[in-house]
Amino acid sequence: METDVIDALIGIEPGSALDAIRNRRKQAREQAQASYRALFAPEDSGGVAAIERFAMAVFVTGLHGDAEIAAFYAARLAESGAAAELRAATDGASAAARGQGPYGAFPAGPLSREDAPGPAHRVAADLRRALGPRLAAAFDHLHMLVFHPRDAAPPALQALLDAGWSTTDIVTLSQIAGFLSFQVRAVAGLRALAATI
């Protein structure tokens, strides 16, 4: 039987109170696991290799500041055959890119009062060499999606295309970022709930 990743990240045991709570939203539980499977164990990985998927996961979960989830994906990255240099560069890039956010500007109007300037991120040159152009561009883009979602624009997509990502690959990158943001928040909420029962 397949291990539910969210259960594993929290340590939910079958028959526990948290297990019962998750089972109240059985479809949501199943869909979260299906999303994980589709993004990190797809039948056809297309143009995004497993090593790239797990490196992106380490980077994104590191940006969110969840060391346990980042460690989970770091273990998957190692299992995927990633070289030690790539693993170290991924960790270094994630540590260097951490921030608060979200940053960015809304179009002029009532939401403009929520505009927040913040640093743009570009992976450092030494890490770019270790990551290669594809992952370096992906990390720059993922940082924007996590911290500057309001600033997503065609030039950012062009940088990915220039680095060798296809339009289909770019959709996958964005799905990975979205799923991991959900997963980090779901785990945080369930951990908080676990502390009360």
N, C-alpha and C. Protein backbone atom coordinates (compact mmCIF):
# COMPACT_ATOMS: atom_id res chain seq x y z
N MET A 1 0.84 -1.19 0.00
CA MET A 1 0.00 0.00 0.00
C MET A 1 0.88 1.25 0.00
N GLU A 2 0.51 2.23 -0.78
CA GLU A 2 1.28 3.46 -0.90
C GLU A 2 1.21 4.28 0.38
N THR A 3 2.35 4.80 0.80
CA THR A 3 2.40 5.66 1.98
C THR A 3 1.91 7.05 1.63
N ASP A 4 0.97 7.57 2.39
CA ASP A 4 0.49 8.93 2.21
C ASP A 4 1.58 9.88 2.70
N VAL A 5 2.03 10.77 1.83
CA VAL A 5 3.17 11.63 2.15
C VAL A 5 2.85 12.59 3.29
N ILE A 6 1.69 13.19 3.29
CA ILE A 6 1.34 14.12 4.37
C ILE A 6 1.29 13.37 5.70
N ASP A 7 0.70 12.18 5.71
CA ASP A 7 0.70 11.37 6.93
C ASP A 7 2.13 11.10 7.40
N ALA A 8 3.00 10.75 6.46
CA ALA A 8 4.38 10.43 6.82
C ALA A 8 5.11 11.65 7.37
N LEU A 9 4.86 12.82 6.79
CA LEU A 9 5.53 14.04 7.24
C LEU A 9 5.12 14.42 8.65
N ILE A 10 3.89 14.09 9.03
CA ILE A 10 3.40 14.45 10.36
C ILE A 10 3.54 13.29 11.35
N GLY A 11 3.62 12.08 10.83
CA GLY A 11 3.66 10.91 11.69
C GLY A 11 2.28 10.44 12.10
N ILE A 12 1.32 10.57 11.19
CA ILE A 12 -0.05 10.15 11.49
C ILE A 12 -0.13 8.62 11.42
N GLU A 13 -0.59 8.02 12.50
CA GLU A 13 -0.73 6.57 12.57
C GLU A 13 -2.17 6.17 12.20
N PRO A 14 -2.34 5.04 11.53
CA PRO A 14 -3.70 4.55 11.24
C PRO A 14 -4.48 4.38 12.54
N GLY A 15 -5.72 4.86 12.52
CA GLY A 15 -6.58 4.74 13.69
C GLY A 15 -6.42 5.86 14.70
N SER A 16 -5.44 6.76 14.49
CA SER A 16 -5.24 7.87 15.43
C SER A 16 -6.31 8.94 15.23
N ALA A 17 -6.35 9.88 16.17
CA ALA A 17 -7.33 10.97 16.08
C ALA A 17 -7.11 11.79 14.80
N LEU A 18 -5.84 12.05 14.46
CA LEU A 18 -5.58 12.82 13.23
C LEU A 18 -5.96 12.03 11.99
N ASP A 19 -5.77 10.73 12.03
CA ASP A 19 -6.19 9.87 10.91
C ASP A 19 -7.69 9.99 10.72
N ALA A 20 -8.44 9.96 11.80
CA ALA A 20 -9.90 10.08 11.72
C ALA A 20 -10.30 11.45 11.18
N ILE A 21 -9.59 12.48 11.61
CA ILE A 21 -9.89 13.84 11.12
C ILE A 21 -9.63 13.93 9.62
N ARG A 22 -8.50 13.39 9.17
CA ARG A 22 -8.20 13.43 7.73
C ARG A 22 -9.22 12.61 6.93
N ASN A 23 -9.70 11.54 7.51
CA ASN A 23 -10.68 10.70 6.81
C ASN A 23 -12.03 11.37 6.66
N ARG A 24 -12.29 12.42 7.43
CA ARG A 24 -13.54 13.18 7.25
C ARG A 24 -13.55 13.89 5.89
N ARG A 25 -12.37 14.17 5.38
CA ARG A 25 -12.22 14.78 4.05
C ARG A 25 -11.43 13.81 3.18
N LYS A 26 -11.98 12.61 3.05
CA LYS A 26 -11.28 11.52 2.36
C LYS A 26 -10.88 11.90 0.94
N GLN A 27 -11.78 12.56 0.23
CA GLN A 27 -11.47 12.92 -1.16
C GLN A 27 -10.30 13.92 -1.21
N ALA A 28 -10.29 14.88 -0.30
CA ALA A 28 -9.17 15.84 -0.26
C ALA A 28 -7.87 15.12 0.05
N ARG A 29 -7.94 14.16 0.96
CA ARG A 29 -6.76 13.38 1.32
C ARG A 29 -6.24 12.61 0.10
N GLU A 30 -7.15 11.95 -0.60
CA GLU A 30 -6.76 11.16 -1.77
C GLU A 30 -6.22 12.03 -2.89
N GLN A 31 -6.83 13.20 -3.08
CA GLN A 31 -6.39 14.09 -4.16
C GLN A 31 -5.01 14.70 -3.85
N ALA A 32 -4.74 14.97 -2.58
CA ALA A 32 -3.42 15.48 -2.22
C ALA A 32 -2.35 14.44 -2.54
N GLN A 33 -2.62 13.19 -2.23
CA GLN A 33 -1.66 12.13 -2.53
C GLN A 33 -1.53 11.92 -4.03
N ALA A 34 -2.66 11.99 -4.73
CA ALA A 34 -2.62 11.84 -6.19
C ALA A 34 -1.81 12.96 -6.83
N SER A 35 -1.91 14.17 -6.29
CA SER A 35 -1.12 15.29 -6.80
C SER A 35 0.36 15.05 -6.58
N TYR A 36 0.70 14.56 -5.39
CA TYR A 36 2.10 14.24 -5.11
C TYR A 36 2.60 13.21 -6.13
N ARG A 37 1.83 12.17 -6.33
CA ARG A 37 2.22 11.10 -7.25
C ARG A 37 2.39 11.64 -8.67
N ALA A 38 1.45 12.48 -9.11
CA ALA A 38 1.51 13.02 -10.47
C ALA A 38 2.74 13.90 -10.69
N LEU A 39 3.14 14.61 -9.65
CA LEU A 39 4.27 15.53 -9.78
C LEU A 39 5.62 14.91 -9.48
N PHE A 40 5.64 13.90 -8.59
CA PHE A 40 6.93 13.37 -8.17
C PHE A 40 7.14 11.90 -8.49
N ALA A 41 6.13 11.23 -9.00
CA ALA A 41 6.29 9.84 -9.44
C ALA A 41 5.39 9.59 -10.65
N PRO A 42 5.49 10.47 -11.67
CA PRO A 42 4.61 10.34 -12.82
C PRO A 42 4.99 9.12 -13.68
N GLU A 43 3.99 8.59 -14.37
CA GLU A 43 4.28 7.49 -15.29
C GLU A 43 5.18 7.97 -16.42
N ASP A 44 4.98 9.20 -16.84
CA ASP A 44 5.81 9.80 -17.89
C ASP A 44 6.30 11.14 -17.37
N SER A 45 7.60 11.25 -17.13
CA SER A 45 8.13 12.48 -16.54
C SER A 45 8.24 13.61 -17.56
N GLY A 46 8.00 13.33 -18.84
CA GLY A 46 8.06 14.38 -19.85
C GLY A 46 9.44 15.00 -19.88
N GLY A 47 9.49 16.33 -19.92
CA GLY A 47 10.77 17.02 -20.02
C GLY A 47 11.36 17.42 -18.68
N VAL A 48 10.75 16.97 -17.58
CA VAL A 48 11.24 17.35 -16.25
C VAL A 48 11.66 16.08 -15.52
N ALA A 49 12.97 15.87 -15.41
CA ALA A 49 13.51 14.66 -14.80
C ALA A 49 13.23 14.62 -13.30
N ALA A 50 13.26 13.41 -12.74
CA ALA A 50 13.02 13.25 -11.31
C ALA A 50 14.00 14.07 -10.48
N ILE A 51 15.27 14.07 -10.88
CA ILE A 51 16.26 14.86 -10.14
C ILE A 51 15.86 16.34 -10.12
N GLU A 52 15.41 16.86 -11.25
CA GLU A 52 14.99 18.26 -11.31
C GLU A 52 13.77 18.50 -10.43
N ARG A 53 12.83 17.59 -10.44
CA ARG A 53 11.61 17.74 -9.63
C ARG A 53 11.95 17.80 -8.15
N PHE A 54 12.81 16.87 -7.70
CA PHE A 54 13.14 16.84 -6.28
C PHE A 54 14.04 18.01 -5.89
N ALA A 55 14.93 18.44 -6.78
CA ALA A 55 15.74 19.63 -6.49
C ALA A 55 14.84 20.85 -6.32
N MET A 56 13.85 21.00 -7.19
CA MET A 56 12.91 22.11 -7.05
C MET A 56 12.14 22.01 -5.74
N ALA A 57 11.78 20.79 -5.34
CA ALA A 57 11.04 20.61 -4.10
C ALA A 57 11.88 21.01 -2.89
N VAL A 58 13.16 20.64 -2.90
CA VAL A 58 14.05 21.04 -1.80
C VAL A 58 14.13 22.56 -1.75
N PHE A 59 14.29 23.18 -2.92
CA PHE A 59 14.41 24.64 -2.99
C PHE A 59 13.15 25.32 -2.47
N VAL A 60 11.98 24.90 -2.96
CA VAL A 60 10.73 25.56 -2.59
C VAL A 60 10.39 25.35 -1.12
N THR A 61 10.52 24.12 -0.62
CA THR A 61 10.19 23.90 0.79
C THR A 61 11.19 24.62 1.69
N GLY A 62 12.43 24.75 1.23
CA GLY A 62 13.39 25.55 1.98
C GLY A 62 12.98 27.01 2.03
N LEU A 63 12.46 27.54 0.92
CA LEU A 63 11.98 28.93 0.92
C LEU A 63 10.86 29.12 1.92
N HIS A 64 10.03 28.10 2.08
CA HIS A 64 8.93 28.18 3.04
C HIS A 64 9.40 28.00 4.48
N GLY A 65 10.65 27.61 4.65
CA GLY A 65 11.22 27.51 5.98
C GLY A 65 10.83 26.25 6.75
N ASP A 66 10.38 25.22 6.05
CA ASP A 66 10.02 23.98 6.73
C ASP A 66 11.15 22.97 6.57
N ALA A 67 12.00 22.89 7.60
CA ALA A 67 13.19 22.04 7.52
C ALA A 67 12.84 20.56 7.39
N GLU A 68 11.77 20.12 8.05
CA GLU A 68 11.41 18.70 7.99
C GLU A 68 10.95 18.29 6.59
N ILE A 69 10.13 19.12 5.98
CA ILE A 69 9.66 18.79 4.63
C ILE A 69 10.83 18.91 3.64
N ALA A 70 11.67 19.92 3.82
CA ALA A 70 12.85 20.05 2.95
C ALA A 70 13.74 18.82 3.08
N ALA A 71 13.89 18.30 4.30
CA ALA A 71 14.71 17.10 4.51
C ALA A 71 14.09 15.88 3.83
N PHE A 72 12.76 15.80 3.86
CA PHE A 72 12.07 14.70 3.16
C PHE A 72 12.41 14.73 1.67
N TYR A 73 12.31 15.91 1.06
CA TYR A 73 12.60 16.01 -0.37
C TYR A 73 14.10 15.89 -0.66
N ALA A 74 14.93 16.32 0.27
CA ALA A 74 16.37 16.15 0.09
C ALA A 74 16.73 14.66 0.04
N ALA A 75 16.05 13.87 0.87
CA ALA A 75 16.28 12.42 0.83
C ALA A 75 15.83 11.83 -0.50
N ARG A 76 14.71 12.31 -1.04
CA ARG A 76 14.24 11.84 -2.35
C ARG A 76 15.21 12.27 -3.44
N LEU A 77 15.78 13.47 -3.31
CA LEU A 77 16.75 13.95 -4.29
C LEU A 77 17.98 13.04 -4.30
N ALA A 78 18.45 12.68 -3.12
CA ALA A 78 19.60 11.77 -3.04
C ALA A 78 19.25 10.42 -3.64
N GLU A 79 18.05 9.90 -3.33
CA GLU A 79 17.62 8.61 -3.87
C GLU A 79 17.49 8.63 -5.39
N SER A 80 17.23 9.80 -5.94
CA SER A 80 17.05 9.91 -7.40
C SER A 80 18.38 9.85 -8.15
N GLY A 81 19.48 9.85 -7.41
CA GLY A 81 20.79 9.75 -8.04
C GLY A 81 21.51 11.07 -8.21
N ALA A 82 21.02 12.13 -7.59
CA ALA A 82 21.66 13.44 -7.72
C ALA A 82 23.06 13.41 -7.11
N ALA A 83 24.00 14.01 -7.80
CA ALA A 83 25.37 14.10 -7.30
C ALA A 83 25.43 14.98 -6.06
N ALA A 84 26.43 14.73 -5.22
CA ALA A 84 26.60 15.51 -3.99
C ALA A 84 26.73 17.00 -4.29
N GLU A 85 27.42 17.34 -5.39
CA GLU A 85 27.60 18.76 -5.75
C GLU A 85 26.25 19.42 -6.04
N LEU A 86 25.37 18.72 -6.73
CA LEU A 86 24.04 19.27 -7.04
C LEU A 86 23.23 19.42 -5.76
N ARG A 87 23.30 18.43 -4.88
CA ARG A 87 22.55 18.50 -3.62
C ARG A 87 23.03 19.68 -2.79
N ALA A 88 24.34 19.86 -2.72
CA ALA A 88 24.88 20.98 -1.95
C ALA A 88 24.49 22.32 -2.57
N ALA A 89 24.52 22.41 -3.90
CA ALA A 89 24.15 23.65 -4.58
C ALA A 89 22.67 23.96 -4.36
N THR A 90 21.84 22.94 -4.36
CA THR A 90 20.40 23.13 -4.12
C THR A 90 20.18 23.67 -2.71
N ASP A 91 20.84 23.06 -1.72
CA ASP A 91 20.72 23.55 -0.35
C ASP A 91 21.23 24.98 -0.23
N GLY A 92 22.37 25.26 -0.87
CA GLY A 92 22.94 26.60 -0.81
C GLY A 92 22.04 27.64 -1.46
N ALA A 93 21.46 27.28 -2.59
CA ALA A 93 20.56 28.21 -3.29
C ALA A 93 19.32 28.50 -2.46
N SER A 94 18.79 27.47 -1.83
CA SER A 94 17.59 27.66 -0.99
C SER A 94 17.90 28.54 0.21
N ALA A 95 19.02 28.27 0.88
CA ALA A 95 19.39 29.07 2.05
C ALA A 95 19.61 30.54 1.67
N ALA A 96 20.24 30.78 0.53
CA ALA A 96 20.52 32.15 0.09
C ALA A 96 19.26 32.90 -0.33
N ALA A 97 18.22 32.17 -0.70
CA ALA A 97 17.03 32.81 -1.28
C ALA A 97 15.91 33.04 -0.28
N ARG A 98 16.08 32.61 0.95
CA ARG A 98 14.98 32.73 1.92
C ARG A 98 14.62 34.19 2.14
N GLY A 99 13.36 34.43 2.43
CA GLY A 99 12.87 35.77 2.68
C GLY A 99 11.55 35.72 3.40
N GLN A 100 10.77 36.77 3.29
CA GLN A 100 9.47 36.84 3.95
C GLN A 100 8.35 36.82 2.91
N GLY A 101 8.13 37.94 2.26
CA GLY A 101 7.12 38.03 1.21
C GLY A 101 5.71 37.89 1.75
N PRO A 102 4.70 37.94 0.93
CA PRO A 102 4.86 38.14 -0.51
C PRO A 102 5.16 39.60 -0.84
N TYR A 103 5.89 39.76 -1.93
CA TYR A 103 6.24 41.07 -2.42
C TYR A 103 5.52 41.31 -3.74
N GLY A 104 5.57 42.55 -4.19
CA GLY A 104 5.04 42.84 -5.51
C GLY A 104 4.03 43.97 -5.49
N ALA A 105 3.56 44.29 -6.68
CA ALA A 105 2.64 45.42 -6.85
C ALA A 105 1.40 44.97 -7.62
N PHE A 106 0.26 45.41 -7.13
CA PHE A 106 -0.99 45.19 -7.84
C PHE A 106 -1.17 46.28 -8.89
N PRO A 107 -2.01 46.05 -9.89
CA PRO A 107 -2.36 47.15 -10.80
C PRO A 107 -2.97 48.30 -9.98
N ALA A 108 -2.84 49.52 -10.48
CA ALA A 108 -3.36 50.68 -9.76
C ALA A 108 -4.82 50.48 -9.41
N GLY A 109 -5.15 50.70 -8.16
CA GLY A 109 -6.52 50.52 -7.70
C GLY A 109 -6.54 50.28 -6.20
N PRO A 110 -7.67 49.79 -5.69
CA PRO A 110 -7.82 49.66 -4.24
C PRO A 110 -6.82 48.68 -3.58
N LEU A 111 -6.34 47.72 -4.33
CA LEU A 111 -5.39 46.77 -3.74
C LEU A 111 -3.97 47.31 -3.69
N SER A 112 -3.75 48.46 -4.32
CA SER A 112 -2.40 49.04 -4.34
C SER A 112 -1.87 49.30 -2.94
N ARG A 113 -2.76 49.49 -1.97
CA ARG A 113 -2.30 49.74 -0.60
C ARG A 113 -1.57 48.52 -0.02
N GLU A 114 -1.73 47.35 -0.67
CA GLU A 114 -1.05 46.14 -0.22
C GLU A 114 0.27 45.90 -0.95
N ASP A 115 0.66 46.83 -1.82
CA ASP A 115 1.94 46.69 -2.52
C ASP A 115 3.07 46.60 -1.49
N ALA A 116 4.01 45.73 -1.76
CA ALA A 116 5.14 45.56 -0.85
C ALA A 116 6.40 45.33 -1.68
N PRO A 117 7.34 46.27 -1.63
CA PRO A 117 8.59 46.05 -2.36
C PRO A 117 9.41 44.96 -1.68
N GLY A 118 10.14 44.24 -2.47
CA GLY A 118 10.99 43.19 -1.92
C GLY A 118 12.06 42.81 -2.90
N PRO A 119 13.08 42.14 -2.42
CA PRO A 119 14.20 41.81 -3.30
C PRO A 119 13.83 40.77 -4.35
N ALA A 120 14.30 41.01 -5.56
CA ALA A 120 14.23 39.98 -6.60
C ALA A 120 15.39 39.03 -6.33
N HIS A 121 15.29 37.83 -6.81
CA HIS A 121 16.35 36.86 -6.53
C HIS A 121 16.93 36.30 -7.82
N ARG A 122 18.23 36.14 -7.79
CA ARG A 122 18.93 35.46 -8.88
C ARG A 122 19.99 34.57 -8.23
N VAL A 123 19.98 33.32 -8.60
CA VAL A 123 20.94 32.37 -8.05
C VAL A 123 22.35 32.87 -8.31
N ALA A 124 23.20 32.79 -7.28
CA ALA A 124 24.59 33.25 -7.38
C ALA A 124 25.36 32.48 -8.45
N ALA A 125 26.35 33.14 -9.03
CA ALA A 125 27.08 32.58 -10.17
C ALA A 125 27.72 31.23 -9.86
N ASP A 126 28.31 31.07 -8.68
CA ASP A 126 28.95 29.79 -8.37
C ASP A 126 27.93 28.66 -8.27
N LEU A 127 26.77 28.97 -7.71
CA LEU A 127 25.71 27.97 -7.61
C LEU A 127 25.09 27.68 -8.97
N ARG A 128 25.01 28.71 -9.81
CA ARG A 128 24.47 28.52 -11.16
C ARG A 128 25.30 27.49 -11.94
N ARG A 129 26.61 27.57 -11.77
CA ARG A 129 27.48 26.60 -12.46
C ARG A 129 27.20 25.18 -11.98
N ALA A 130 27.02 25.01 -10.68
CA ALA A 130 26.77 23.67 -10.13
C ALA A 130 25.38 23.15 -10.49
N LEU A 131 24.42 24.06 -10.55
CA LEU A 131 23.03 23.66 -10.85
C LEU A 131 22.82 23.44 -12.34
N GLY A 132 23.53 24.19 -13.16
CA GLY A 132 23.28 24.18 -14.60
C GLY A 132 22.22 25.21 -14.94
N PRO A 133 22.15 25.61 -16.20
CA PRO A 133 21.25 26.70 -16.59
C PRO A 133 19.77 26.40 -16.37
N ARG A 134 19.37 25.15 -16.58
CA ARG A 134 17.94 24.82 -16.43
C ARG A 134 17.48 24.99 -14.98
N LEU A 135 18.18 24.35 -14.05
CA LEU A 135 17.75 24.45 -12.66
C LEU A 135 17.94 25.85 -12.10
N ALA A 136 19.01 26.53 -12.50
CA ALA A 136 19.21 27.91 -12.02
C ALA A 136 18.05 28.79 -12.45
N ALA A 137 17.64 28.69 -13.70
CA ALA A 137 16.50 29.48 -14.18
C ALA A 137 15.22 29.06 -13.47
N ALA A 138 15.06 27.76 -13.24
CA ALA A 138 13.87 27.27 -12.54
C ALA A 138 13.82 27.83 -11.12
N PHE A 139 14.97 27.85 -10.43
CA PHE A 139 14.99 28.37 -9.06
C PHE A 139 14.65 29.85 -9.03
N ASP A 140 15.18 30.61 -9.98
CA ASP A 140 14.82 32.04 -10.05
C ASP A 140 13.31 32.19 -10.22
N HIS A 141 12.74 31.38 -11.09
CA HIS A 141 11.30 31.47 -11.35
C HIS A 141 10.49 31.01 -10.13
N LEU A 142 10.92 29.94 -9.50
CA LEU A 142 10.20 29.44 -8.32
C LEU A 142 10.24 30.45 -7.19
N HIS A 143 11.36 31.13 -7.04
CA HIS A 143 11.44 32.19 -6.02
C HIS A 143 10.40 33.27 -6.31
N MET A 144 10.27 33.63 -7.57
CA MET A 144 9.28 34.63 -7.94
C MET A 144 7.87 34.13 -7.61
N LEU A 145 7.57 32.87 -7.91
CA LEU A 145 6.23 32.34 -7.63
C LEU A 145 5.93 32.31 -6.14
N VAL A 146 6.94 32.02 -5.33
CA VAL A 146 6.73 31.97 -3.88
C VAL A 146 6.66 33.36 -3.27
N PHE A 147 7.58 34.24 -3.64
CA PHE A 147 7.67 35.54 -2.98
C PHE A 147 7.13 36.72 -3.78
N HIS A 148 7.02 36.58 -5.10
CA HIS A 148 6.56 37.68 -5.96
C HIS A 148 5.44 37.22 -6.90
N PRO A 149 4.42 36.54 -6.40
CA PRO A 149 3.41 35.99 -7.32
C PRO A 149 2.70 37.05 -8.15
N ARG A 150 2.62 38.27 -7.63
CA ARG A 150 1.94 39.34 -8.37
C ARG A 150 2.77 39.86 -9.53
N ASP A 151 4.05 39.53 -9.53
CA ASP A 151 4.95 40.08 -10.54
C ASP A 151 5.24 39.11 -11.68
N ALA A 152 4.57 37.98 -11.70
CA ALA A 152 4.79 37.03 -12.80
C ALA A 152 4.43 37.72 -14.12
N ALA A 153 5.32 37.63 -15.09
CA ALA A 153 5.12 38.33 -16.35
C ALA A 153 5.86 37.58 -17.46
N PRO A 154 5.52 37.86 -18.72
CA PRO A 154 6.15 37.16 -19.83
C PRO A 154 7.68 37.13 -19.82
N PRO A 155 8.39 38.21 -19.43
CA PRO A 155 9.85 38.11 -19.43
C PRO A 155 10.38 36.98 -18.52
N ALA A 156 9.69 36.73 -17.42
CA ALA A 156 10.13 35.65 -16.52
C ALA A 156 9.98 34.30 -17.21
N LEU A 157 8.92 34.13 -17.96
CA LEU A 157 8.73 32.89 -18.70
C LEU A 157 9.76 32.75 -19.81
N GLN A 158 10.12 33.86 -20.42
CA GLN A 158 11.11 33.81 -21.50
C GLN A 158 12.46 33.32 -20.98
N ALA A 159 12.80 33.71 -19.76
CA ALA A 159 14.06 33.26 -19.17
C ALA A 159 14.07 31.74 -19.04
N LEU A 160 12.92 31.15 -18.72
CA LEU A 160 12.83 29.69 -18.63
C LEU A 160 12.97 29.05 -20.01
N LEU A 161 12.29 29.62 -20.99
CA LEU A 161 12.39 29.10 -22.36
C LEU A 161 13.83 29.17 -22.86
N ASP A 162 14.50 30.29 -22.56
CA ASP A 162 15.89 30.47 -22.98
C ASP A 162 16.82 29.44 -22.33
N ALA A 163 16.43 28.97 -21.14
CA ALA A 163 17.26 27.99 -20.43
C ALA A 163 16.97 26.56 -20.86
N GLY A 164 15.99 26.39 -21.76
CA GLY A 164 15.73 25.05 -22.28
C GLY A 164 14.47 24.38 -21.77
N TRP A 165 13.66 25.10 -20.98
CA TRP A 165 12.39 24.53 -20.53
C TRP A 165 11.34 24.74 -21.61
N SER A 166 10.50 23.75 -21.86
CA SER A 166 9.40 23.90 -22.81
C SER A 166 8.21 24.53 -22.10
N THR A 167 7.21 24.94 -22.86
CA THR A 167 6.01 25.52 -22.24
C THR A 167 5.32 24.48 -21.34
N THR A 168 5.32 23.22 -21.74
CA THR A 168 4.74 22.16 -20.91
C THR A 168 5.54 22.00 -19.62
N ASP A 169 6.87 22.06 -19.73
CA ASP A 169 7.72 21.98 -18.54
C ASP A 169 7.42 23.12 -17.57
N ILE A 170 7.19 24.31 -18.12
CA ILE A 170 6.94 25.48 -17.28
C ILE A 170 5.64 25.30 -16.50
N VAL A 171 4.65 24.69 -17.12
CA VAL A 171 3.41 24.37 -16.40
C VAL A 171 3.73 23.43 -15.24
N THR A 172 4.56 22.42 -15.48
CA THR A 172 4.93 21.47 -14.43
C THR A 172 5.64 22.19 -13.29
N LEU A 173 6.59 23.08 -13.60
CA LEU A 173 7.28 23.85 -12.57
C LEU A 173 6.28 24.62 -11.70
N SER A 174 5.33 25.25 -12.35
CA SER A 174 4.34 26.04 -11.62
C SER A 174 3.45 25.15 -10.77
N GLN A 175 3.10 23.98 -11.29
CA GLN A 175 2.29 23.04 -10.51
C GLN A 175 3.06 22.55 -9.29
N ILE A 176 4.35 22.28 -9.45
CA ILE A 176 5.17 21.86 -8.31
C ILE A 176 5.18 22.94 -7.24
N ALA A 177 5.38 24.20 -7.64
CA ALA A 177 5.38 25.30 -6.67
C ALA A 177 4.04 25.41 -5.95
N GLY A 178 2.96 25.32 -6.71
CA GLY A 178 1.63 25.42 -6.10
C GLY A 178 1.34 24.27 -5.16
N PHE A 179 1.67 23.05 -5.58
CA PHE A 179 1.42 21.90 -4.73
C PHE A 179 2.22 21.98 -3.44
N LEU A 180 3.50 22.34 -3.53
CA LEU A 180 4.33 22.40 -2.34
C LEU A 180 3.87 23.48 -1.37
N SER A 181 3.40 24.61 -1.90
CA SER A 181 2.84 25.65 -1.02
C SER A 181 1.63 25.11 -0.26
N PHE A 182 0.78 24.37 -0.97
CA PHE A 182 -0.37 23.72 -0.32
C PHE A 182 0.11 22.72 0.73
N GLN A 183 1.06 21.86 0.34
CA GLN A 183 1.51 20.79 1.24
C GLN A 183 2.12 21.37 2.53
N VAL A 184 2.95 22.39 2.39
CA VAL A 184 3.56 23.02 3.56
C VAL A 184 2.49 23.56 4.49
N ARG A 185 1.47 24.21 3.94
CA ARG A 185 0.41 24.78 4.78
C ARG A 185 -0.46 23.69 5.40
N ALA A 186 -0.75 22.65 4.65
CA ALA A 186 -1.55 21.54 5.19
C ALA A 186 -0.82 20.87 6.34
N VAL A 187 0.46 20.63 6.17
CA VAL A 187 1.25 20.00 7.23
C VAL A 187 1.30 20.91 8.46
N ALA A 188 1.52 22.21 8.25
CA ALA A 188 1.57 23.14 9.39
C ALA A 188 0.25 23.14 10.15
N GLY A 189 -0.86 23.13 9.41
CA GLY A 189 -2.17 23.12 10.06
C GLY A 189 -2.41 21.84 10.83
N LEU A 190 -2.05 20.72 10.26
CA LEU A 190 -2.24 19.44 10.94
C LEU A 190 -1.31 19.30 12.14
N ARG A 191 -0.10 19.84 12.05
CA ARG A 191 0.79 19.83 13.21
C ARG A 191 0.19 20.65 14.35
N ALA A 192 -0.37 21.82 14.00
CA ALA A 192 -1.00 22.65 15.03
C ALA A 192 -2.18 21.92 15.65
N LEU A 193 -2.96 21.25 14.82
CA LEU A 193 -4.11 20.50 15.31
C LEU A 193 -3.65 19.36 16.22
N ALA A 194 -2.58 18.69 15.82
CA ALA A 194 -2.07 17.58 16.62
C ALA A 194 -1.68 18.03 18.02
N ALA A 195 -1.23 19.27 18.14
CA ALA A 195 -0.82 19.79 19.44
C ALA A 195 -2.00 20.03 20.38
N THR A 196 -3.21 20.02 19.82
CA THR A 196 -4.41 20.32 20.64
C THR A 196 -5.19 19.07 21.00
N ILE A 197 -4.84 17.91 20.44
CA ILE A 197 -5.64 16.72 20.72
C ILE A 197 -4.82 15.65 21.44
